[in-house]
Amino acid sequence: MTLWRLHVDVADQPGRLGALAGVIGGCGANIVSLHVVGEPSQDGAVTDELLVRVPPQLAVPALVEAVEAAGFRVTVVVQADAQALADPVTTALALAHCVAVDPGSAARAVAALLR
């Protein structure tokens, strides 16, 4: 399976996020992460950033086509890697703990944060 980052505009209405998840799951792909990017637009739509695991038998353009056919607007489609799954807050806290325990690790911790 490959990991893809998609930005999808979703109307802020009951059931729309569920409908998006249903389309993606119906294609055989799996949403492994989701967060809102930026602020809602004037019409209340939000841009959701999804990290989606796509099985080898599913062409990414076919997934995008299915999402758009369901009434969503896809604005970004880029391949991602496992690093994209790391939670930045958890990573920062873990590195802060390492520096607290071993102050000599500060340079390595800063380098890790900047990757």
C-alpha atoms as a PDB file:
ATOM      1  CA  MET A   1       0.000   0.000   0.000  1.00  0.00           C
ATOM      2  CA  THR A   2       1.101   3.538  -0.690  1.00  0.00           C
ATOM      3  CA  LEU A   3       0.394   6.583   1.430  1.00  0.00           C
ATOM      4  CA  TRP A   4      -1.113   9.695  -0.148  1.00  0.00           C
ATOM      5  CA  ARG A   5      -1.865  13.176   1.189  1.00  0.00           C
ATOM      6  CA  LEU A   6      -5.127  14.648  -0.073  1.00  0.00           C
ATOM      7  CA  HIS A   7      -6.641  18.047   0.640  1.00  0.00           C
ATOM      8  CA  VAL A   8     -10.396  17.886   0.228  1.00  0.00           C
ATOM      9  CA  ASP A   9     -12.889  20.725   0.618  1.00  0.00           C
ATOM     10  CA  VAL A  10     -15.776  19.519   2.783  1.00  0.00           C
ATOM     11  CA  ALA A  11     -18.984  21.422   3.516  1.00  0.00           C
ATOM     12  CA  ASP A  12     -19.476  21.882   7.244  1.00  0.00           C
ATOM     13  CA  GLN A  13     -22.776  19.990   7.311  1.00  0.00           C
ATOM     14  CA  PRO A  14     -23.879  16.895   9.209  1.00  0.00           C
ATOM     15  CA  GLY A  15     -22.857  13.713   7.419  1.00  0.00           C
ATOM     16  CA  ARG A  16     -20.481  15.213   4.839  1.00  0.00           C
ATOM     17  CA  LEU A  17     -17.316  13.913   6.505  1.00  0.00           C
ATOM     18  CA  GLY A  18     -18.958  10.512   6.881  1.00  0.00           C
ATOM     19  CA  ALA A  19     -19.884  10.555   3.203  1.00  0.00           C
ATOM     20  CA  LEU A  20     -16.268  11.331   2.276  1.00  0.00           C
ATOM     21  CA  ALA A  21     -15.012   8.476   4.454  1.00  0.00           C
ATOM     22  CA  GLY A  22     -17.581   6.174   2.857  1.00  0.00           C
ATOM     23  CA  VAL A  23     -16.400   7.010  -0.658  1.00  0.00           C
ATOM     24  CA  ILE A  24     -12.746   6.462   0.241  1.00  0.00           C
ATOM     25  CA  GLY A  25     -13.474   3.221   2.095  1.00  0.00           C
ATOM     26  CA  GLY A  26     -15.742   2.069  -0.709  1.00  0.00           C
ATOM     27  CA  CYS A  27     -12.792   2.341  -3.080  1.00  0.00           C
ATOM     28  CA  GLY A  28     -10.749   0.089  -0.782  1.00  0.00           C
ATOM     29  CA  ALA A  29      -8.545   2.843   0.643  1.00  0.00           C
ATOM     30  CA  ASN A  30      -8.134   3.689   4.340  1.00  0.00           C
ATOM     31  CA  ILE A  31      -7.942   7.096   6.027  1.00  0.00           C
ATOM     32  CA  VAL A  32      -5.144   6.908   8.601  1.00  0.00           C
ATOM     33  CA  SER A  33      -5.022  10.577   9.590  1.00  0.00           C
ATOM     34  CA  LEU A  34      -7.189  13.663   9.230  1.00  0.00           C
ATOM     35  CA  HIS A  35      -6.898  17.263  10.309  1.00  0.00           C
ATOM     36  CA  VAL A  36      -8.422  20.567   9.294  1.00  0.00           C
ATOM     37  CA  VAL A  37      -6.158  22.937   7.367  1.00  0.00           C
ATOM     38  CA  GLY A  38      -6.696  26.652   7.947  1.00  0.00           C
ATOM     39  CA  GLU A  39      -9.991  28.340   8.724  1.00  0.00           C
ATOM     40  CA  PRO A  40     -13.458  27.673   7.302  1.00  0.00           C
ATOM     41  CA  SER A  41     -14.284  29.573   4.111  1.00  0.00           C
ATOM     42  CA  GLN A  42     -17.099  32.134   4.005  1.00  0.00           C
ATOM     43  CA  ASP A  43     -19.544  29.421   2.917  1.00  0.00           C
ATOM     44  CA  GLY A  44     -18.526  27.267   5.890  1.00  0.00           C
ATOM     45  CA  ALA A  45     -16.483  24.714   3.943  1.00  0.00           C
ATOM     46  CA  VAL A  46     -13.283  23.442   5.502  1.00  0.00           C
ATOM     47  CA  THR A  47     -10.239  21.879   3.902  1.00  0.00           C
ATOM     48  CA  ASP A  48      -9.447  18.515   5.415  1.00  0.00           C
ATOM     49  CA  GLU A  49      -5.978  17.042   5.000  1.00  0.00           C
ATOM     50  CA  LEU A  50      -6.236  13.278   4.780  1.00  0.00           C
ATOM     51  CA  LEU A  51      -3.453  10.719   4.830  1.00  0.00           C
ATOM     52  CA  VAL A  52      -4.852   7.771   2.935  1.00  0.00           C
ATOM     53  CA  ARG A  53      -3.405   4.279   2.472  1.00  0.00           C
ATOM     54  CA  VAL A  54      -4.160   3.211  -1.067  1.00  0.00           C
ATOM     55  CA  PRO A  55      -3.956  -0.466  -2.043  1.00  0.00           C
ATOM     56  CA  PRO A  56      -1.846  -1.385  -5.082  1.00  0.00           C
ATOM     57  CA  GLN A  57      -4.875  -2.370  -7.152  1.00  0.00           C
ATOM     58  CA  LEU A  58      -6.424   1.118  -6.807  1.00  0.00           C
ATOM     59  CA  ALA A  59      -5.128   3.856  -9.091  1.00  0.00           C
ATOM     60  CA  VAL A  60      -4.950   7.157  -7.224  1.00  0.00           C
ATOM     61  CA  PRO A  61      -6.612   9.077 -10.098  1.00  0.00           C
ATOM     62  CA  ALA A  62      -9.573   6.680  -9.800  1.00  0.00           C
ATOM     63  CA  LEU A  63      -9.807   7.440  -6.074  1.00  0.00           C
ATOM     64  CA  VAL A  64      -9.741  11.192  -6.739  1.00  0.00           C
ATOM     65  CA  GLU A  65     -12.369  10.786  -9.457  1.00  0.00           C
ATOM     66  CA  ALA A  66     -14.661   8.901  -7.062  1.00  0.00           C
ATOM     67  CA  VAL A  67     -14.237  11.563  -4.367  1.00  0.00           C
ATOM     68  CA  GLU A  68     -14.988  14.359  -6.829  1.00  0.00           C
ATOM     69  CA  ALA A  69     -17.952  12.455  -8.291  1.00  0.00           C
ATOM     70  CA  ALA A  70     -19.408  12.419  -4.771  1.00  0.00           C
ATOM     71  CA  GLY A  71     -19.406  16.227  -4.738  1.00  0.00           C
ATOM     72  CA  PHE A  72     -16.111  16.984  -3.014  1.00  0.00           C
ATOM     73  CA  ARG A  73     -13.326  19.190  -4.359  1.00  0.00           C
ATOM     74  CA  VAL A  74      -9.821  17.703  -4.185  1.00  0.00           C
ATOM     75  CA  THR A  75      -7.164  20.434  -4.197  1.00  0.00           C
ATOM     76  CA  VAL A  76      -3.956  18.539  -3.355  1.00  0.00           C
ATOM     77  CA  VAL A  77      -2.824  15.009  -4.189  1.00  0.00           C
ATOM     78  CA  VAL A  78       0.777  14.101  -3.322  1.00  0.00           C
ATOM     79  CA  GLN A  79       2.462  10.888  -2.332  1.00  0.00           C
ATOM     80  CA  ALA A  80       3.499  10.836   1.323  1.00  0.00           C
ATOM     81  CA  ASP A  81       5.803   8.670   3.410  1.00  0.00           C
ATOM     82  CA  ALA A  82       5.612   7.152   6.871  1.00  0.00           C
ATOM     83  CA  GLN A  83       7.164  10.312   8.354  1.00  0.00           C
ATOM     84  CA  ALA A  84       3.849  12.043   7.588  1.00  0.00           C
ATOM     85  CA  LEU A  85       2.177   9.818  10.182  1.00  0.00           C
ATOM     86  CA  ALA A  86       4.306  11.161  13.028  1.00  0.00           C
ATOM     87  CA  ASP A  87       2.376  13.408  15.395  1.00  0.00           C
ATOM     88  CA  PRO A  88       4.425  16.618  15.711  1.00  0.00           C
ATOM     89  CA  VAL A  89       3.258  17.435  19.244  1.00  0.00           C
ATOM     90  CA  THR A  90       4.068  13.959  20.549  1.00  0.00           C
ATOM     91  CA  THR A  91       7.433  14.066  18.784  1.00  0.00           C
ATOM     92  CA  ALA A  92       8.269  17.461  20.322  1.00  0.00           C
ATOM     93  CA  LEU A  93       7.307  16.289  23.813  1.00  0.00           C
ATOM     94  CA  ALA A  94       9.365  13.112  23.476  1.00  0.00           C
ATOM     95  CA  LEU A  95      12.385  15.117  22.314  1.00  0.00           C
ATOM     96  CA  ALA A  96      11.942  17.602  25.188  1.00  0.00           C
ATOM     97  CA  HIS A  97      11.948  14.675  27.605  1.00  0.00           C
ATOM     98  CA  CYS A  98      15.171  13.362  26.045  1.00  0.00           C
ATOM     99  CA  VAL A  99      16.825  16.773  26.479  1.00  0.00           C
ATOM    100  CA  ALA A 100      15.624  17.005  30.099  1.00  0.00           C
ATOM    101  CA  VAL A 101      17.161  13.605  30.836  1.00  0.00           C
ATOM    102  CA  ASP A 102      20.307  14.217  28.766  1.00  0.00           C
ATOM    103  CA  PRO A 103      21.048  17.910  28.075  1.00  0.00           C
ATOM    104  CA  GLY A 104      23.826  16.818  25.723  1.00  0.00           C
ATOM    105  CA  SER A 105      21.182  15.568  23.291  1.00  0.00           C
ATOM    106  CA  ALA A 106      19.815  19.084  22.636  1.00  0.00           C
ATOM    107  CA  ALA A 107      21.524  19.496  19.255  1.00  0.00           C
ATOM    108  CA  ARG A 108      20.179  16.140  18.023  1.00  0.00           C
ATOM    109  CA  ALA A 109      16.701  17.020  19.308  1.00  0.00           C
ATOM    110  CA  VAL A 110      16.665  20.352  17.476  1.00  0.00           C
ATOM    111  CA  ALA A 111      17.872  18.649  14.291  1.00  0.00           C
ATOM    112  CA  ALA A 112      15.091  16.069  14.610  1.00  0.00           C
ATOM    113  CA  LEU A 113      12.476  18.810  15.034  1.00  0.00           C
ATOM    114  CA  LEU A 114      13.673  20.611  11.918  1.00  0.00           C
ATOM    115  CA  ARG A 115      13.454  17.549   9.665  1.00  0.00           C
END
